[in-house]
Amino acid sequence: VAGCKAWREDMKPLIRYFDADSTDVVEPGEMIHEYAGVPPWLMKNYLADLGATEEDAERMQWPTGCRAVVRQAEPRQIGSLVIGGSTVEFSGCQGKLESLLEELEWKTLRIGA
């Protein structure tokens, strides 16, 4: 496991949304991501692992002031396969969100699963 962290530190995130030092604010409703295959209960666990606390059944908040609203996504159908997931609405400081989204990317990355 220790080798995995060293390997990760050499990797760059797949997507960069904001400058890490940006203090601009993302307002509620401006940034909504869908995570197919990640149900809301698992997404909330991932966000809690990243330091968020649950405000209510849908809302999570970090000490930095960033927030996330987690909801059940509309199911996707591929042939006879139906895939659920979650929709997450992020808000808060762009620089703080960039750090959270980079870590969340690693948690939601699926390789052949």
N, C-alpha and C. Protein backbone atom coordinates (compact mmCIF):
# COMPACT_ATOMS: atom_id res chain seq x y z
N VAL A 1 0.82 -1.19 0.00
CA VAL A 1 0.00 0.00 0.00
C VAL A 1 0.87 1.25 0.00
N ALA A 2 1.98 1.23 0.71
CA ALA A 2 2.86 2.40 0.75
C ALA A 2 3.37 2.72 -0.66
N GLY A 3 3.64 1.71 -1.46
CA GLY A 3 4.09 1.92 -2.82
C GLY A 3 3.05 2.59 -3.68
N CYS A 4 1.77 2.33 -3.41
CA CYS A 4 0.68 2.94 -4.17
C CYS A 4 0.66 4.45 -3.98
N LYS A 5 0.86 4.92 -2.75
CA LYS A 5 0.85 6.36 -2.49
C LYS A 5 1.99 7.05 -3.23
N ALA A 6 3.16 6.44 -3.21
CA ALA A 6 4.30 7.02 -3.93
C ALA A 6 4.00 7.07 -5.44
N TRP A 7 3.38 6.02 -5.95
CA TRP A 7 3.02 5.98 -7.37
C TRP A 7 2.02 7.08 -7.69
N ARG A 8 1.03 7.27 -6.81
CA ARG A 8 0.00 8.29 -7.01
C ARG A 8 0.59 9.69 -7.02
N GLU A 9 1.57 9.94 -6.18
CA GLU A 9 2.16 11.28 -6.11
C GLU A 9 2.87 11.65 -7.40
N ASP A 10 3.30 10.65 -8.17
CA ASP A 10 3.95 10.92 -9.45
C ASP A 10 2.93 11.17 -10.56
N MET A 11 1.68 10.78 -10.33
CA MET A 11 0.64 10.90 -11.34
C MET A 11 -0.04 12.27 -11.24
N LYS A 12 -0.43 12.81 -12.36
CA LYS A 12 -1.19 14.04 -12.38
C LYS A 12 -2.67 13.68 -12.47
N PRO A 13 -3.56 14.54 -11.95
CA PRO A 13 -4.99 14.24 -12.06
C PRO A 13 -5.41 14.19 -13.53
N LEU A 14 -6.44 13.41 -13.82
CA LEU A 14 -6.94 13.31 -15.18
C LEU A 14 -7.54 14.64 -15.65
N ILE A 15 -8.23 15.31 -14.74
CA ILE A 15 -8.88 16.57 -15.08
C ILE A 15 -8.52 17.61 -14.04
N ARG A 16 -8.17 18.79 -14.50
CA ARG A 16 -7.92 19.92 -13.60
C ARG A 16 -9.04 20.93 -13.86
N TYR A 17 -9.83 21.21 -12.82
CA TYR A 17 -10.96 22.11 -12.96
C TYR A 17 -10.61 23.57 -12.68
N PHE A 18 -9.78 23.78 -11.66
CA PHE A 18 -9.47 25.13 -11.22
C PHE A 18 -7.99 25.23 -10.87
N ASP A 19 -7.48 26.46 -10.78
CA ASP A 19 -6.15 26.66 -10.24
C ASP A 19 -6.21 26.38 -8.74
N ALA A 20 -5.22 25.70 -8.23
CA ALA A 20 -5.21 25.31 -6.81
C ALA A 20 -5.20 26.51 -5.88
N ASP A 21 -4.71 27.66 -6.35
CA ASP A 21 -4.66 28.83 -5.48
C ASP A 21 -5.80 29.83 -5.73
N SER A 22 -6.79 29.42 -6.53
CA SER A 22 -7.91 30.29 -6.83
C SER A 22 -8.81 30.50 -5.61
N THR A 23 -9.22 31.74 -5.40
CA THR A 23 -10.14 32.04 -4.30
C THR A 23 -11.54 32.36 -4.81
N ASP A 24 -11.75 32.23 -6.14
CA ASP A 24 -13.09 32.44 -6.69
C ASP A 24 -14.04 31.39 -6.13
N VAL A 25 -15.31 31.71 -6.12
CA VAL A 25 -16.31 30.83 -5.50
C VAL A 25 -17.19 30.18 -6.56
N VAL A 26 -17.44 28.88 -6.39
CA VAL A 26 -18.39 28.14 -7.20
C VAL A 26 -19.71 28.19 -6.43
N GLU A 27 -20.72 28.77 -7.04
CA GLU A 27 -22.03 28.89 -6.39
C GLU A 27 -22.81 27.59 -6.55
N PRO A 28 -23.77 27.33 -5.64
CA PRO A 28 -24.61 26.13 -5.78
C PRO A 28 -25.28 26.11 -7.15
N GLY A 29 -25.29 24.94 -7.76
CA GLY A 29 -25.89 24.75 -9.08
C GLY A 29 -24.95 24.97 -10.24
N GLU A 30 -23.75 25.52 -10.00
CA GLU A 30 -22.80 25.79 -11.09
C GLU A 30 -21.94 24.58 -11.44
N MET A 31 -21.78 23.64 -10.52
CA MET A 31 -20.90 22.49 -10.78
C MET A 31 -21.58 21.22 -10.31
N ILE A 32 -22.10 20.45 -11.26
CA ILE A 32 -22.81 19.22 -10.95
C ILE A 32 -22.13 18.08 -11.70
N HIS A 33 -21.72 17.06 -10.96
CA HIS A 33 -21.08 15.89 -11.55
C HIS A 33 -21.95 14.66 -11.35
N GLU A 34 -21.92 13.76 -12.31
CA GLU A 34 -22.62 12.49 -12.18
C GLU A 34 -21.58 11.38 -12.10
N TYR A 35 -21.78 10.47 -11.16
CA TYR A 35 -20.86 9.36 -10.95
C TYR A 35 -21.64 8.05 -11.14
N ALA A 36 -21.58 7.50 -12.35
CA ALA A 36 -22.27 6.24 -12.64
C ALA A 36 -21.58 5.11 -11.88
N GLY A 37 -22.38 4.23 -11.31
CA GLY A 37 -21.83 3.08 -10.59
C GLY A 37 -21.43 3.37 -9.16
N VAL A 38 -21.59 4.61 -8.70
CA VAL A 38 -21.26 4.98 -7.32
C VAL A 38 -22.57 5.43 -6.65
N PRO A 39 -23.21 4.56 -5.88
CA PRO A 39 -24.48 4.94 -5.25
C PRO A 39 -24.28 6.04 -4.21
N PRO A 40 -25.35 6.78 -3.89
CA PRO A 40 -25.21 7.89 -2.94
C PRO A 40 -24.58 7.51 -1.60
N TRP A 41 -24.92 6.36 -1.04
CA TRP A 41 -24.35 5.97 0.26
C TRP A 41 -22.84 5.83 0.16
N LEU A 42 -22.33 5.29 -0.97
CA LEU A 42 -20.89 5.13 -1.15
C LEU A 42 -20.23 6.48 -1.40
N MET A 43 -20.89 7.33 -2.20
CA MET A 43 -20.34 8.67 -2.45
C MET A 43 -20.22 9.44 -1.14
N LYS A 44 -21.23 9.35 -0.27
CA LYS A 44 -21.15 10.04 1.01
C LYS A 44 -20.02 9.48 1.87
N ASN A 45 -19.77 8.19 1.79
CA ASN A 45 -18.61 7.61 2.49
C ASN A 45 -17.31 8.16 1.94
N TYR A 46 -17.20 8.26 0.62
CA TYR A 46 -16.00 8.82 0.00
C TYR A 46 -15.78 10.27 0.47
N LEU A 47 -16.85 11.06 0.45
CA LEU A 47 -16.73 12.46 0.85
C LEU A 47 -16.38 12.58 2.34
N ALA A 48 -16.92 11.69 3.16
CA ALA A 48 -16.57 11.68 4.59
C ALA A 48 -15.09 11.33 4.76
N ASP A 49 -14.59 10.39 3.95
CA ASP A 49 -13.16 10.04 3.99
C ASP A 49 -12.30 11.26 3.66
N LEU A 50 -12.85 12.18 2.89
CA LEU A 50 -12.12 13.40 2.50
C LEU A 50 -12.37 14.55 3.47
N GLY A 51 -13.01 14.24 4.62
CA GLY A 51 -13.15 15.23 5.68
C GLY A 51 -14.51 15.91 5.81
N ALA A 52 -15.48 15.53 4.98
CA ALA A 52 -16.81 16.15 5.05
C ALA A 52 -17.62 15.54 6.18
N THR A 53 -18.52 16.35 6.71
CA THR A 53 -19.48 15.86 7.69
C THR A 53 -20.88 16.03 7.12
N GLU A 54 -21.77 15.14 7.53
CA GLU A 54 -23.13 15.14 7.01
C GLU A 54 -23.97 16.19 7.74
N GLU A 55 -24.57 17.11 6.97
CA GLU A 55 -25.47 18.10 7.54
C GLU A 55 -26.89 17.55 7.64
N ASP A 56 -27.32 16.85 6.59
CA ASP A 56 -28.61 16.17 6.56
C ASP A 56 -28.51 15.03 5.56
N ALA A 57 -29.63 14.46 5.15
CA ALA A 57 -29.62 13.26 4.29
C ALA A 57 -28.91 13.48 2.95
N GLU A 58 -28.88 14.72 2.45
CA GLU A 58 -28.26 14.99 1.15
C GLU A 58 -27.02 15.87 1.23
N ARG A 59 -26.90 16.71 2.23
CA ARG A 59 -25.86 17.73 2.26
C ARG A 59 -24.67 17.35 3.13
N MET A 60 -23.48 17.65 2.58
CA MET A 60 -22.24 17.41 3.31
C MET A 60 -21.42 18.70 3.26
N GLN A 61 -20.63 18.94 4.31
CA GLN A 61 -19.83 20.15 4.36
C GLN A 61 -18.45 19.85 4.93
N TRP A 62 -17.45 20.57 4.41
CA TRP A 62 -16.08 20.48 4.89
C TRP A 62 -15.79 21.67 5.79
N PRO A 63 -14.81 21.54 6.67
CA PRO A 63 -14.41 22.68 7.51
C PRO A 63 -13.96 23.90 6.68
N THR A 64 -13.53 23.67 5.44
CA THR A 64 -13.08 24.75 4.56
C THR A 64 -14.24 25.59 4.02
N GLY A 65 -15.48 25.14 4.25
CA GLY A 65 -16.65 25.83 3.73
C GLY A 65 -17.20 25.24 2.44
N CYS A 66 -16.48 24.32 1.84
CA CYS A 66 -16.99 23.65 0.64
C CYS A 66 -18.18 22.78 1.02
N ARG A 67 -19.09 22.64 0.08
CA ARG A 67 -20.29 21.83 0.31
C ARG A 67 -20.54 20.90 -0.87
N ALA A 68 -21.27 19.83 -0.59
CA ALA A 68 -21.70 18.90 -1.62
C ALA A 68 -23.12 18.46 -1.31
N VAL A 69 -23.94 18.40 -2.35
CA VAL A 69 -25.29 17.87 -2.23
C VAL A 69 -25.31 16.58 -3.05
N VAL A 70 -25.58 15.46 -2.39
CA VAL A 70 -25.52 14.13 -3.02
C VAL A 70 -26.93 13.62 -3.22
N ARG A 71 -27.25 13.25 -4.46
CA ARG A 71 -28.57 12.71 -4.78
C ARG A 71 -28.43 11.47 -5.66
N GLN A 72 -29.49 10.69 -5.69
CA GLN A 72 -29.55 9.52 -6.57
C GLN A 72 -29.62 10.03 -8.01
N ALA A 73 -28.77 9.50 -8.88
CA ALA A 73 -28.78 9.89 -10.30
C ALA A 73 -29.85 9.08 -11.03
N GLU A 74 -30.27 9.61 -12.15
CA GLU A 74 -31.18 8.85 -13.01
C GLU A 74 -30.44 7.61 -13.50
N PRO A 75 -31.10 6.45 -13.50
CA PRO A 75 -30.42 5.23 -13.98
C PRO A 75 -30.06 5.35 -15.45
N ARG A 76 -28.92 4.77 -15.78
CA ARG A 76 -28.49 4.69 -17.18
C ARG A 76 -28.73 3.27 -17.67
N GLN A 77 -29.22 3.15 -18.89
CA GLN A 77 -29.46 1.82 -19.45
C GLN A 77 -28.58 1.62 -20.65
N ILE A 78 -27.83 0.51 -20.60
CA ILE A 78 -26.96 0.12 -21.71
C ILE A 78 -27.40 -1.29 -22.09
N GLY A 79 -28.17 -1.40 -23.16
CA GLY A 79 -28.75 -2.70 -23.50
C GLY A 79 -29.69 -3.12 -22.39
N SER A 80 -29.49 -4.31 -21.86
CA SER A 80 -30.34 -4.79 -20.76
C SER A 80 -29.76 -4.43 -19.40
N LEU A 81 -28.59 -3.82 -19.37
CA LEU A 81 -27.93 -3.45 -18.12
C LEU A 81 -28.40 -2.07 -17.66
N VAL A 82 -28.79 -1.96 -16.39
CA VAL A 82 -29.19 -0.68 -15.81
C VAL A 82 -28.18 -0.33 -14.72
N ILE A 83 -27.60 0.87 -14.82
CA ILE A 83 -26.57 1.30 -13.88
C ILE A 83 -27.06 2.51 -13.11
N GLY A 84 -27.03 2.42 -11.80
CA GLY A 84 -27.38 3.55 -10.94
C GLY A 84 -26.16 4.41 -10.69
N GLY A 85 -26.30 5.36 -9.83
CA GLY A 85 -25.18 6.21 -9.49
C GLY A 85 -25.64 7.39 -8.66
N SER A 86 -24.78 8.38 -8.55
CA SER A 86 -25.11 9.56 -7.78
C SER A 86 -24.77 10.82 -8.56
N THR A 87 -25.50 11.87 -8.24
CA THR A 87 -25.25 13.19 -8.78
C THR A 87 -24.79 14.04 -7.60
N VAL A 88 -23.69 14.77 -7.80
CA VAL A 88 -23.13 15.58 -6.72
C VAL A 88 -23.01 17.03 -7.20
N GLU A 89 -23.59 17.93 -6.44
CA GLU A 89 -23.50 19.35 -6.71
C GLU A 89 -22.49 19.95 -5.74
N PHE A 90 -21.39 20.46 -6.27
CA PHE A 90 -20.32 21.03 -5.45
C PHE A 90 -20.43 22.54 -5.40
N SER A 91 -20.06 23.14 -4.26
CA SER A 91 -19.97 24.59 -4.16
C SER A 91 -18.88 24.94 -3.14
N GLY A 92 -18.34 26.15 -3.27
CA GLY A 92 -17.29 26.60 -2.37
C GLY A 92 -16.13 27.21 -3.12
N CYS A 93 -15.04 27.43 -2.43
CA CYS A 93 -13.84 28.04 -2.98
C CYS A 93 -13.22 27.13 -4.05
N GLN A 94 -12.93 27.68 -5.22
CA GLN A 94 -12.38 26.88 -6.32
C GLN A 94 -11.10 26.14 -5.94
N GLY A 95 -10.19 26.81 -5.29
CA GLY A 95 -8.92 26.18 -4.92
C GLY A 95 -9.12 25.00 -3.97
N LYS A 96 -10.02 25.16 -3.01
CA LYS A 96 -10.31 24.06 -2.08
C LYS A 96 -11.03 22.92 -2.79
N LEU A 97 -11.96 23.26 -3.69
CA LEU A 97 -12.66 22.22 -4.45
C LEU A 97 -11.70 21.44 -5.33
N GLU A 98 -10.73 22.13 -5.92
CA GLU A 98 -9.76 21.44 -6.80
C GLU A 98 -9.07 20.32 -6.03
N SER A 99 -8.65 20.61 -4.82
CA SER A 99 -7.98 19.60 -4.00
C SER A 99 -8.92 18.43 -3.70
N LEU A 100 -10.16 18.73 -3.33
CA LEU A 100 -11.14 17.67 -3.03
C LEU A 100 -11.44 16.82 -4.26
N LEU A 101 -11.64 17.49 -5.41
CA LEU A 101 -11.97 16.76 -6.63
C LEU A 101 -10.82 15.86 -7.09
N GLU A 102 -9.61 16.31 -6.88
CA GLU A 102 -8.44 15.49 -7.23
C GLU A 102 -8.43 14.21 -6.40
N GLU A 103 -8.68 14.32 -5.11
CA GLU A 103 -8.73 13.14 -4.24
C GLU A 103 -9.93 12.25 -4.57
N LEU A 104 -11.07 12.88 -4.85
CA LEU A 104 -12.27 12.11 -5.18
C LEU A 104 -12.08 11.34 -6.48
N GLU A 105 -11.33 11.92 -7.41
CA GLU A 105 -11.04 11.23 -8.67
C GLU A 105 -10.41 9.87 -8.42
N TRP A 106 -9.48 9.81 -7.48
CA TRP A 106 -8.81 8.54 -7.17
C TRP A 106 -9.77 7.54 -6.54
N LYS A 107 -10.69 8.03 -5.72
CA LYS A 107 -11.65 7.13 -5.07
C LYS A 107 -12.66 6.56 -6.06
N THR A 108 -13.04 7.34 -7.07
CA THR A 108 -14.07 6.91 -8.01
C THR A 108 -13.50 6.28 -9.28
N LEU A 109 -12.21 6.24 -9.41
CA LEU A 109 -11.57 5.65 -10.59
C LEU A 109 -11.86 4.17 -10.66
N ARG A 110 -12.35 3.72 -11.78
CA ARG A 110 -12.67 2.31 -11.98
C ARG A 110 -11.81 1.76 -13.10
N ILE A 111 -11.12 0.70 -12.81
CA ILE A 111 -10.29 0.05 -13.83
C ILE A 111 -10.79 -1.38 -13.97
N GLY A 112 -11.64 -1.59 -14.95
CA GLY A 112 -12.14 -2.92 -15.23
C GLY A 112 -13.14 -3.43 -14.21
N ALA A 113 -13.68 -2.56 -13.37
CA ALA A 113 -14.65 -3.02 -12.38
C ALA A 113 -15.96 -2.29 -12.53
